[in-house]
Amino acid sequence: MKISIQEKNDKDLHIEIDVTDMTLLHPLVEELLKDKTVDIAEYKLGHPELDSTVLHVRTKTGKPETAIKKAAKAIMEAYSELRTGFEKEL
């Protein structure tokens, strides 16, 4: 998966991500919106063959990169717990 920063300042981050659907980004945005330091968390899907997906995160305090890392870690932990539960039961 290719990821590149489109625009960045102290509180705003726009990241271009090479995905064509919202499967990975939707849980990330949901987790970001739980963070009280995050003001905006959204993604925009363009045409699948012409445009890249852009994730936009704006923070009230702190760096957007920190919020993204924190949200990604929380998602990984949740899915790890889910996997462990499946492995026990199946």
PDB file of N, CA and C in Angstrom:
ATOM      1  N   MET A   1       0.850  -1.174   0.000  1.00  0.00           N
ATOM      2  CA  MET A   1       0.000   0.000   0.000  1.00  0.00           C
ATOM      3  C   MET A   1       0.893   1.234   0.000  1.00  0.00           C
ATOM      4  N   LYS A   2       0.669   2.094  -0.957  1.00  0.00           N
ATOM      5  CA  LYS A   2       1.459   3.322  -1.064  1.00  0.00           C
ATOM      6  C   LYS A   2       0.779   4.446  -0.286  1.00  0.00           C
ATOM      7  N   ILE A   3       1.563   5.136   0.536  1.00  0.00           N
ATOM      8  CA  ILE A   3       1.068   6.257   1.340  1.00  0.00           C
ATOM      9  C   ILE A   3       2.012   7.428   1.146  1.00  0.00           C
ATOM     10  N   SER A   4       1.443   8.608   0.865  1.00  0.00           N
ATOM     11  CA  SER A   4       2.286   9.796   0.734  1.00  0.00           C
ATOM     12  C   SER A   4       1.554  11.012   1.294  1.00  0.00           C
ATOM     13  N   ILE A   5       2.327  11.895   1.878  1.00  0.00           N
ATOM     14  CA  ILE A   5       1.769  13.111   2.466  1.00  0.00           C
ATOM     15  C   ILE A   5       1.526  14.126   1.358  1.00  0.00           C
ATOM     16  N   GLN A   6       0.294  14.618   1.274  1.00  0.00           N
ATOM     17  CA  GLN A   6      -0.067  15.648   0.297  1.00  0.00           C
ATOM     18  C   GLN A   6       0.156  17.037   0.862  1.00  0.00           C
ATOM     19  N   GLU A   7      -0.295  17.202   2.114  1.00  0.00           N
ATOM     20  CA  GLU A   7      -0.232  18.525   2.746  1.00  0.00           C
ATOM     21  C   GLU A   7      -0.077  18.314   4.245  1.00  0.00           C
ATOM     22  N   LYS A   8       0.756  19.143   4.864  1.00  0.00           N
ATOM     23  CA  LYS A   8       1.010  18.969   6.294  1.00  0.00           C
ATOM     24  C   LYS A   8       1.339  20.309   6.925  1.00  0.00           C
ATOM     25  N   ASN A   9       0.735  20.545   8.105  1.00  0.00           N
ATOM     26  CA  ASN A   9       1.153  21.649   8.964  1.00  0.00           C
ATOM     27  C   ASN A   9       0.983  21.179  10.407  1.00  0.00           C
ATOM     28  N   ASP A  10       1.045  22.076  11.374  1.00  0.00           N
ATOM     29  CA  ASP A  10       1.026  21.667  12.784  1.00  0.00           C
ATOM     30  C   ASP A  10      -0.226  20.895  13.189  1.00  0.00           C
ATOM     31  N   LYS A  11      -1.373  21.260  12.633  1.00  0.00           N
ATOM     32  CA  LYS A  11      -2.644  20.666  13.072  1.00  0.00           C
ATOM     33  C   LYS A  11      -3.376  19.894  11.978  1.00  0.00           C
ATOM     34  N   ASP A  12      -2.973  20.042  10.727  1.00  0.00           N
ATOM     35  CA  ASP A  12      -3.646  19.407   9.598  1.00  0.00           C
ATOM     36  C   ASP A  12      -2.711  18.467   8.859  1.00  0.00           C
ATOM     37  N   LEU A  13      -3.278  17.336   8.438  1.00  0.00           N
ATOM     38  CA  LEU A  13      -2.509  16.378   7.652  1.00  0.00           C
ATOM     39  C   LEU A  13      -3.424  15.780   6.595  1.00  0.00           C
ATOM     40  N   HIS A  14      -2.992  15.831   5.345  1.00  0.00           N
ATOM     41  CA  HIS A  14      -3.698  15.214   4.225  1.00  0.00           C
ATOM     42  C   HIS A  14      -2.769  14.143   3.670  1.00  0.00           C
ATOM     43  N   ILE A  15      -3.242  12.896   3.705  1.00  0.00           N
ATOM     44  CA  ILE A  15      -2.425  11.769   3.272  1.00  0.00           C
ATOM     45  C   ILE A  15      -3.109  11.080   2.098  1.00  0.00           C
ATOM     46  N   GLU A  16      -2.367  10.891   1.026  1.00  0.00           N
ATOM     47  CA  GLU A  16      -2.862  10.151  -0.128  1.00  0.00           C
ATOM     48  C   GLU A  16      -2.547   8.673   0.102  1.00  0.00           C
ATOM     49  N   ILE A  17      -3.584   7.849  -0.028  1.00  0.00           N
ATOM     50  CA  ILE A  17      -3.438   6.419   0.240  1.00  0.00           C
ATOM     51  C   ILE A  17      -3.950   5.639  -0.962  1.00  0.00           C
ATOM     52  N   ASP A  18      -3.184   4.682  -1.379  1.00  0.00           N
ATOM     53  CA  ASP A  18      -3.519   3.895  -2.559  1.00  0.00           C
ATOM     54  C   ASP A  18      -4.473   2.745  -2.182  1.00  0.00           C
ATOM     55  N   VAL A  19      -5.720   3.100  -1.872  1.00  0.00           N
ATOM     56  CA  VAL A  19      -6.781   2.113  -1.633  1.00  0.00           C
ATOM     57  C   VAL A  19      -8.003   2.550  -2.428  1.00  0.00           C
ATOM     58  N   THR A  20      -8.795   1.582  -2.853  1.00  0.00           N
ATOM     59  CA  THR A  20      -9.961   1.919  -3.682  1.00  0.00           C
ATOM     60  C   THR A  20     -11.280   1.731  -2.956  1.00  0.00           C
ATOM     61  N   ASP A  21     -11.234   1.363  -1.695  1.00  0.00           N
ATOM     62  CA  ASP A  21     -12.476   1.254  -0.929  1.00  0.00           C
ATOM     63  C   ASP A  21     -12.242   1.712   0.498  1.00  0.00           C
ATOM     64  N   MET A  22     -13.292   1.684   1.291  1.00  0.00           N
ATOM     65  CA  MET A  22     -13.200   2.232   2.645  1.00  0.00           C
ATOM     66  C   MET A  22     -12.967   1.181   3.719  1.00  0.00           C
ATOM     67  N   THR A  23     -12.676  -0.043   3.331  1.00  0.00           N
ATOM     68  CA  THR A  23     -12.534  -1.140   4.286  1.00  0.00           C
ATOM     69  C   THR A  23     -11.508  -0.856   5.370  1.00  0.00           C
ATOM     70  N   LEU A  24     -10.379  -0.304   5.011  1.00  0.00           N
ATOM     71  CA  LEU A  24      -9.338  -0.011   5.998  1.00  0.00           C
ATOM     72  C   LEU A  24      -9.510   1.354   6.648  1.00  0.00           C
ATOM     73  N   LEU A  25     -10.009   2.302   5.894  1.00  0.00           N
ATOM     74  CA  LEU A  25     -10.071   3.668   6.405  1.00  0.00           C
ATOM     75  C   LEU A  25     -11.251   3.929   7.333  1.00  0.00           C
ATOM     76  N   HIS A  26     -12.357   3.263   7.109  1.00  0.00           N
ATOM     77  CA  HIS A  26     -13.531   3.521   7.951  1.00  0.00           C
ATOM     78  C   HIS A  26     -13.259   3.248   9.439  1.00  0.00           C
ATOM     79  N   PRO A  27     -12.706   2.086   9.804  1.00  0.00           N
ATOM     80  CA  PRO A  27     -12.389   1.876  11.227  1.00  0.00           C
ATOM     81  C   PRO A  27     -11.369   2.883  11.770  1.00  0.00           C
ATOM     82  N   LEU A  28     -10.415   3.278  10.929  1.00  0.00           N
ATOM     83  CA  LEU A  28      -9.420   4.257  11.369  1.00  0.00           C
ATOM     84  C   LEU A  28     -10.071   5.602  11.675  1.00  0.00           C
ATOM     85  N   VAL A  29     -10.944   6.052  10.793  1.00  0.00           N
ATOM     86  CA  VAL A  29     -11.637   7.323  11.014  1.00  0.00           C
ATOM     87  C   VAL A  29     -12.531   7.240  12.252  1.00  0.00           C
ATOM     88  N   GLU A  30     -13.236   6.123  12.418  1.00  0.00           N
ATOM     89  CA  GLU A  30     -14.075   5.961  13.617  1.00  0.00           C
ATOM     90  C   GLU A  30     -13.239   6.057  14.887  1.00  0.00           C
ATOM     91  N   GLU A  31     -12.089   5.417  14.893  1.00  0.00           N
ATOM     92  CA  GLU A  31     -11.215   5.452  16.070  1.00  0.00           C
ATOM     93  C   GLU A  31     -10.650   6.855  16.286  1.00  0.00           C
ATOM     94  N   LEU A  32     -10.284   7.529  15.222  1.00  0.00           N
ATOM     95  CA  LEU A  32      -9.784   8.900  15.339  1.00  0.00           C
ATOM     96  C   LEU A  32     -10.832   9.828  15.940  1.00  0.00           C
ATOM     97  N   LEU A  33     -12.083   9.649  15.553  1.00  0.00           N
ATOM     98  CA  LEU A  33     -13.146  10.522  16.053  1.00  0.00           C
ATOM     99  C   LEU A  33     -13.447  10.306  17.540  1.00  0.00           C
ATOM    100  N   LYS A  34     -13.000   9.197  18.098  1.00  0.00           N
ATOM    101  CA  LYS A  34     -13.142   8.958  19.542  1.00  0.00           C
ATOM    102  C   LYS A  34     -12.125   9.769  20.341  1.00  0.00           C
ATOM    103  N   ASP A  35     -11.057  10.191  19.689  1.00  0.00           N
ATOM    104  CA  ASP A  35      -9.966  10.924  20.325  1.00  0.00           C
ATOM    105  C   ASP A  35     -10.376  12.391  20.509  1.00  0.00           C
ATOM    106  N   LYS A  36     -10.366  12.857  21.740  1.00  0.00           N
ATOM    107  CA  LYS A  36     -10.793  14.227  22.041  1.00  0.00           C
ATOM    108  C   LYS A  36      -9.841  15.284  21.485  1.00  0.00           C
ATOM    109  N   THR A  37      -8.629  14.888  21.122  1.00  0.00           N
ATOM    110  CA  THR A  37      -7.690  15.847  20.536  1.00  0.00           C
ATOM    111  C   THR A  37      -7.927  16.044  19.037  1.00  0.00           C
ATOM    112  N   VAL A  38      -8.762  15.185  18.437  1.00  0.00           N
ATOM    113  CA  VAL A  38      -9.013  15.247  16.993  1.00  0.00           C
ATOM    114  C   VAL A  38     -10.244  16.104  16.718  1.00  0.00           C
ATOM    115  N   ASP A  39     -10.090  17.055  15.825  1.00  0.00           N
ATOM    116  CA  ASP A  39     -11.175  17.946  15.419  1.00  0.00           C
ATOM    117  C   ASP A  39     -11.892  17.398  14.183  1.00  0.00           C
ATOM    118  N   ILE A  40     -11.129  16.966  13.194  1.00  0.00           N
ATOM    119  CA  ILE A  40     -11.687  16.420  11.955  1.00  0.00           C
ATOM    120  C   ILE A  40     -10.938  15.141  11.600  1.00  0.00           C
ATOM    121  N   ALA A  41     -11.682  14.112  11.221  1.00  0.00           N
ATOM    122  CA  ALA A  41     -11.115  12.883  10.666  1.00  0.00           C
ATOM    123  C   ALA A  41     -12.072  12.443   9.569  1.00  0.00           C
ATOM    124  N   GLU A  42     -11.584  12.429   8.350  1.00  0.00           N
ATOM    125  CA  GLU A  42     -12.428  12.076   7.213  1.00  0.00           C
ATOM    126  C   GLU A  42     -11.560  11.537   6.086  1.00  0.00           C
ATOM    127  N   TYR A  43     -12.205  10.862   5.152  1.00  0.00           N
ATOM    128  CA  TYR A  43     -11.497  10.433   3.959  1.00  0.00           C
ATOM    129  C   TYR A  43     -12.385  10.687   2.755  1.00  0.00           C
ATOM    130  N   LYS A  44     -11.751  10.866   1.629  1.00  0.00           N
ATOM    131  CA  LYS A  44     -12.474  11.121   0.390  1.00  0.00           C
ATOM    132  C   LYS A  44     -12.033  10.102  -0.643  1.00  0.00           C
ATOM    133  N   LEU A  45     -13.014   9.379  -1.157  1.00  0.00           N
ATOM    134  CA  LEU A  45     -12.753   8.410  -2.219  1.00  0.00           C
ATOM    135  C   LEU A  45     -13.044   9.071  -3.553  1.00  0.00           C
ATOM    136  N   GLY A  46     -12.114   8.972  -4.452  1.00  0.00           N
ATOM    137  CA  GLY A  46     -12.342   9.473  -5.803  1.00  0.00           C
ATOM    138  C   GLY A  46     -12.730   8.330  -6.713  1.00  0.00           C
ATOM    139  N   HIS A  47     -12.644   8.567  -7.977  1.00  0.00           N
ATOM    140  CA  HIS A  47     -12.895   7.523  -8.961  1.00  0.00           C
ATOM    141  C   HIS A  47     -11.825   6.445  -8.797  1.00  0.00           C
ATOM    142  N   PRO A  48     -12.208   5.165  -8.737  1.00  0.00           N
ATOM    143  CA  PRO A  48     -11.237   4.105  -8.448  1.00  0.00           C
ATOM    144  C   PRO A  48     -10.083   3.999  -9.445  1.00  0.00           C
ATOM    145  N   GLU A  49     -10.307   4.382 -10.681  1.00  0.00           N
ATOM    146  CA  GLU A  49      -9.241   4.270 -11.673  1.00  0.00           C
ATOM    147  C   GLU A  49      -8.494   5.585 -11.917  1.00  0.00           C
ATOM    148  N   LEU A  50      -9.030   6.673 -11.394  1.00  0.00           N
ATOM    149  CA  LEU A  50      -8.429   7.976 -11.689  1.00  0.00           C
ATOM    150  C   LEU A  50      -7.860   8.699 -10.474  1.00  0.00           C
ATOM    151  N   ASP A  51      -8.484   8.521  -9.329  1.00  0.00           N
ATOM    152  CA  ASP A  51      -8.118   9.308  -8.153  1.00  0.00           C
ATOM    153  C   ASP A  51      -7.644   8.424  -7.012  1.00  0.00           C
ATOM    154  N   SER A  52      -6.804   8.986  -6.181  1.00  0.00           N
ATOM    155  CA  SER A  52      -6.388   8.314  -4.950  1.00  0.00           C
ATOM    156  C   SER A  52      -7.322   8.722  -3.816  1.00  0.00           C
ATOM    157  N   THR A  53      -7.325   7.933  -2.789  1.00  0.00           N
ATOM    158  CA  THR A  53      -8.086   8.247  -1.589  1.00  0.00           C
ATOM    159  C   THR A  53      -7.240   9.172  -0.722  1.00  0.00           C
ATOM    160  N   VAL A  54      -7.894  10.156  -0.100  1.00  0.00           N
ATOM    161  CA  VAL A  54      -7.186  11.105   0.753  1.00  0.00           C
ATOM    162  C   VAL A  54      -7.775  11.069   2.158  1.00  0.00           C
ATOM    163  N   LEU A  55      -6.916  10.839   3.137  1.00  0.00           N
ATOM    164  CA  LEU A  55      -7.287  10.893   4.552  1.00  0.00           C
ATOM    165  C   LEU A  55      -6.910  12.274   5.069  1.00  0.00           C
ATOM    166  N   HIS A  56      -7.862  12.934   5.739  1.00  0.00           N
ATOM    167  CA  HIS A  56      -7.623  14.262   6.310  1.00  0.00           C
ATOM    168  C   HIS A  56      -7.843  14.184   7.811  1.00  0.00           C
ATOM    169  N   VAL A  57      -6.847  14.602   8.565  1.00  0.00           N
ATOM    170  CA  VAL A  57      -6.948  14.641  10.029  1.00  0.00           C
ATOM    171  C   VAL A  57      -6.514  16.020  10.505  1.00  0.00           C
ATOM    172  N   ARG A  58      -7.375  16.639  11.318  1.00  0.00           N
ATOM    173  CA  ARG A  58      -7.042  17.923  11.953  1.00  0.00           C
ATOM    174  C   ARG A  58      -7.190  17.730  13.459  1.00  0.00           C
ATOM    175  N   THR A  59      -6.203  18.192  14.187  1.00  0.00           N
ATOM    176  CA  THR A  59      -6.237  18.065  15.642  1.00  0.00           C
ATOM    177  C   THR A  59      -6.472  19.417  16.303  1.00  0.00           C
ATOM    178  N   LYS A  60      -7.081  19.364  17.491  1.00  0.00           N
ATOM    179  CA  LYS A  60      -7.244  20.562  18.321  1.00  0.00           C
ATOM    180  C   LYS A  60      -5.932  20.835  19.051  1.00  0.00           C
ATOM    181  N   THR A  61      -5.368  19.759  19.582  1.00  0.00           N
ATOM    182  CA  THR A  61      -4.077  19.817  20.262  1.00  0.00           C
ATOM    183  C   THR A  61      -3.263  18.611  19.819  1.00  0.00           C
ATOM    184  N   GLY A  62      -1.967  18.740  19.864  1.00  0.00           N
ATOM    185  CA  GLY A  62      -1.103  17.637  19.463  1.00  0.00           C
ATOM    186  C   GLY A  62      -0.976  17.530  17.949  1.00  0.00           C
ATOM    187  N   LYS A  63      -0.167  16.566  17.537  1.00  0.00           N
ATOM    188  CA  LYS A  63       0.096  16.367  16.118  1.00  0.00           C
ATOM    189  C   LYS A  63      -0.863  15.341  15.525  1.00  0.00           C
ATOM    190  N   PRO A  64      -1.315  15.549  14.292  1.00  0.00           N
ATOM    191  CA  PRO A  64      -2.190  14.566  13.655  1.00  0.00           C
ATOM    192  C   PRO A  64      -1.508  13.200  13.474  1.00  0.00           C
ATOM    193  N   GLU A  65      -0.191  13.220  13.245  1.00  0.00           N
ATOM    194  CA  GLU A  65       0.532  11.955  13.092  1.00  0.00           C
ATOM    195  C   GLU A  65       0.421  11.102  14.352  1.00  0.00           C
ATOM    196  N   THR A  66       0.506  11.748  15.501  1.00  0.00           N
ATOM    197  CA  THR A  66       0.401  11.041  16.777  1.00  0.00           C
ATOM    198  C   THR A  66      -0.985  10.435  16.930  1.00  0.00           C
ATOM    199  N   ALA A  67      -2.015  11.180  16.569  1.00  0.00           N
ATOM    200  CA  ALA A  67      -3.387  10.678  16.662  1.00  0.00           C
ATOM    201  C   ALA A  67      -3.603   9.481  15.743  1.00  0.00           C
ATOM    202  N   ILE A  68      -3.042   9.535  14.538  1.00  0.00           N
ATOM    203  CA  ILE A  68      -3.189   8.424  13.588  1.00  0.00           C
ATOM    204  C   ILE A  68      -2.499   7.179  14.120  1.00  0.00           C
ATOM    205  N   LYS A  69      -1.302   7.332  14.639  1.00  0.00           N
ATOM    206  CA  LYS A  69      -0.571   6.180  15.195  1.00  0.00           C
ATOM    207  C   LYS A  69      -1.331   5.569  16.372  1.00  0.00           C
ATOM    208  N   LYS A  70      -1.874   6.410  17.227  1.00  0.00           N
ATOM    209  CA  LYS A  70      -2.636   5.941  18.392  1.00  0.00           C
ATOM    210  C   LYS A  70      -3.888   5.181  17.939  1.00  0.00           C
ATOM    211  N   ALA A  71      -4.599   5.711  16.949  1.00  0.00           N
ATOM    212  CA  ALA A  71      -5.805   5.062  16.440  1.00  0.00           C
ATOM    213  C   ALA A  71      -5.469   3.738  15.767  1.00  0.00           C
ATOM    214  N   ALA A  72      -4.406   3.715  14.975  1.00  0.00           N
ATOM    215  CA  ALA A  72      -3.996   2.481  14.298  1.00  0.00           C
ATOM    216  C   ALA A  72      -3.636   1.402  15.312  1.00  0.00           C
ATOM    217  N   LYS A  73      -2.959   1.791  16.374  1.00  0.00           N
ATOM    218  CA  LYS A  73      -2.586   0.827  17.425  1.00  0.00           C
ATOM    219  C   LYS A  73      -3.837   0.267  18.103  1.00  0.00           C
ATOM    220  N   ALA A  74      -4.810   1.121  18.383  1.00  0.00           N
ATOM    221  CA  ALA A  74      -6.049   0.665  19.023  1.00  0.00           C
ATOM    222  C   ALA A  74      -6.802  -0.321  18.128  1.00  0.00           C
ATOM    223  N   ILE A  75      -6.817  -0.056  16.837  1.00  0.00           N
ATOM    224  CA  ILE A  75      -7.489  -0.960  15.900  1.00  0.00           C
ATOM    225  C   ILE A  75      -6.762  -2.300  15.847  1.00  0.00           C
ATOM    226  N   MET A  76      -5.442  -2.265  15.792  1.00  0.00           N
ATOM    227  CA  MET A  76      -4.673  -3.512  15.760  1.00  0.00           C
ATOM    228  C   MET A  76      -4.931  -4.342  17.016  1.00  0.00           C
ATOM    229  N   GLU A  77      -5.009  -3.696  18.166  1.00  0.00           N
ATOM    230  CA  GLU A  77      -5.272  -4.416  19.412  1.00  0.00           C
ATOM    231  C   GLU A  77      -6.673  -5.029  19.406  1.00  0.00           C
ATOM    232  N   ALA A  78      -7.657  -4.291  18.904  1.00  0.00           N
ATOM    233  CA  ALA A  78      -9.026  -4.807  18.849  1.00  0.00           C
ATOM    234  C   ALA A  78      -9.116  -6.027  17.929  1.00  0.00           C
ATOM    235  N   TYR A  79      -8.485  -5.951  16.771  1.00  0.00           N
ATOM    236  CA  TYR A  79      -8.518  -7.076  15.839  1.00  0.00           C
ATOM    237  C   TYR A  79      -7.705  -8.251  16.365  1.00  0.00           C
ATOM    238  N   SER A  80      -6.661  -7.976  17.118  1.00  0.00           N
ATOM    239  CA  SER A  80      -5.886  -9.051  17.728  1.00  0.00           C
ATOM    240  C   SER A  80      -6.731  -9.811  18.740  1.00  0.00           C
ATOM    241  N   GLU A  81      -7.514  -9.074  19.535  1.00  0.00           N
ATOM    242  CA  GLU A  81      -8.412  -9.715  20.498  1.00  0.00           C
ATOM    243  C   GLU A  81      -9.472 -10.544  19.781  1.00  0.00           C
ATOM    244  N   LEU A  82      -9.990 -10.023  18.681  1.00  0.00           N
ATOM    245  CA  LEU A  82     -10.982 -10.747  17.895  1.00  0.00           C
ATOM    246  C   LEU A  82     -10.381 -12.036  17.344  1.00  0.00           C
ATOM    247  N   ARG A  83      -9.175 -11.942  16.808  1.00  0.00           N
ATOM    248  CA  ARG A  83      -8.497 -13.114  16.266  1.00  0.00           C
ATOM    249  C   ARG A  83      -8.285 -14.160  17.350  1.00  0.00           C
ATOM    250  N   THR A  84      -7.839 -13.729  18.516  1.00  0.00           N
ATOM    251  CA  THR A  84      -7.606 -14.654  19.630  1.00  0.00           C
ATOM    252  C   THR A  84      -8.903 -15.364  20.007  1.00  0.00           C
ATOM    253  N   GLY A  85     -10.000 -14.609  20.038  1.00  0.00           N
ATOM    254  CA  GLY A  85     -11.294 -15.217  20.344  1.00  0.00           C
ATOM    255  C   GLY A  85     -11.699 -16.246  19.318  1.00  0.00           C
ATOM    256  N   PHE A  86     -11.503 -15.944  18.044  1.00  0.00           N
ATOM    257  CA  PHE A  86     -11.823 -16.914  16.993  1.00  0.00           C
ATOM    258  C   PHE A  86     -10.957 -18.157  17.102  1.00  0.00           C
ATOM    259  N   GLU A  87      -9.669 -17.960  17.368  1.00  0.00           N
ATOM    260  CA  GLU A  87      -8.770 -19.094  17.465  1.00  0.00           C
ATOM    261  C   GLU A  87      -9.140 -20.021  18.625  1.00  0.00           C
ATOM    262  N   LYS A  88      -9.627 -19.459  19.719  1.00  0.00           N
ATOM    263  CA  LYS A  88     -10.051 -20.270  20.855  1.00  0.00           C
ATOM    264  C   LYS A  88     -11.298 -21.081  20.545  1.00  0.00           C
ATOM    265  N   GLU A  89     -12.220 -20.462  19.848  1.00  0.00           N
ATOM    266  CA  GLU A  89     -13.524 -21.070  19.619  1.00  0.00           C
ATOM    267  C   GLU A  89     -13.609 -21.943  18.369  1.00  0.00           C
ATOM    268  N   LEU A  90     -12.745 -21.698  17.411  1.00  0.00           N
ATOM    269  CA  LEU A  90     -12.889 -22.437  16.147  1.00  0.00           C
ATOM    270  C   LEU A  90     -11.874 -23.529  15.981  1.00  0.00           C
TER     271      LEU A  90
END
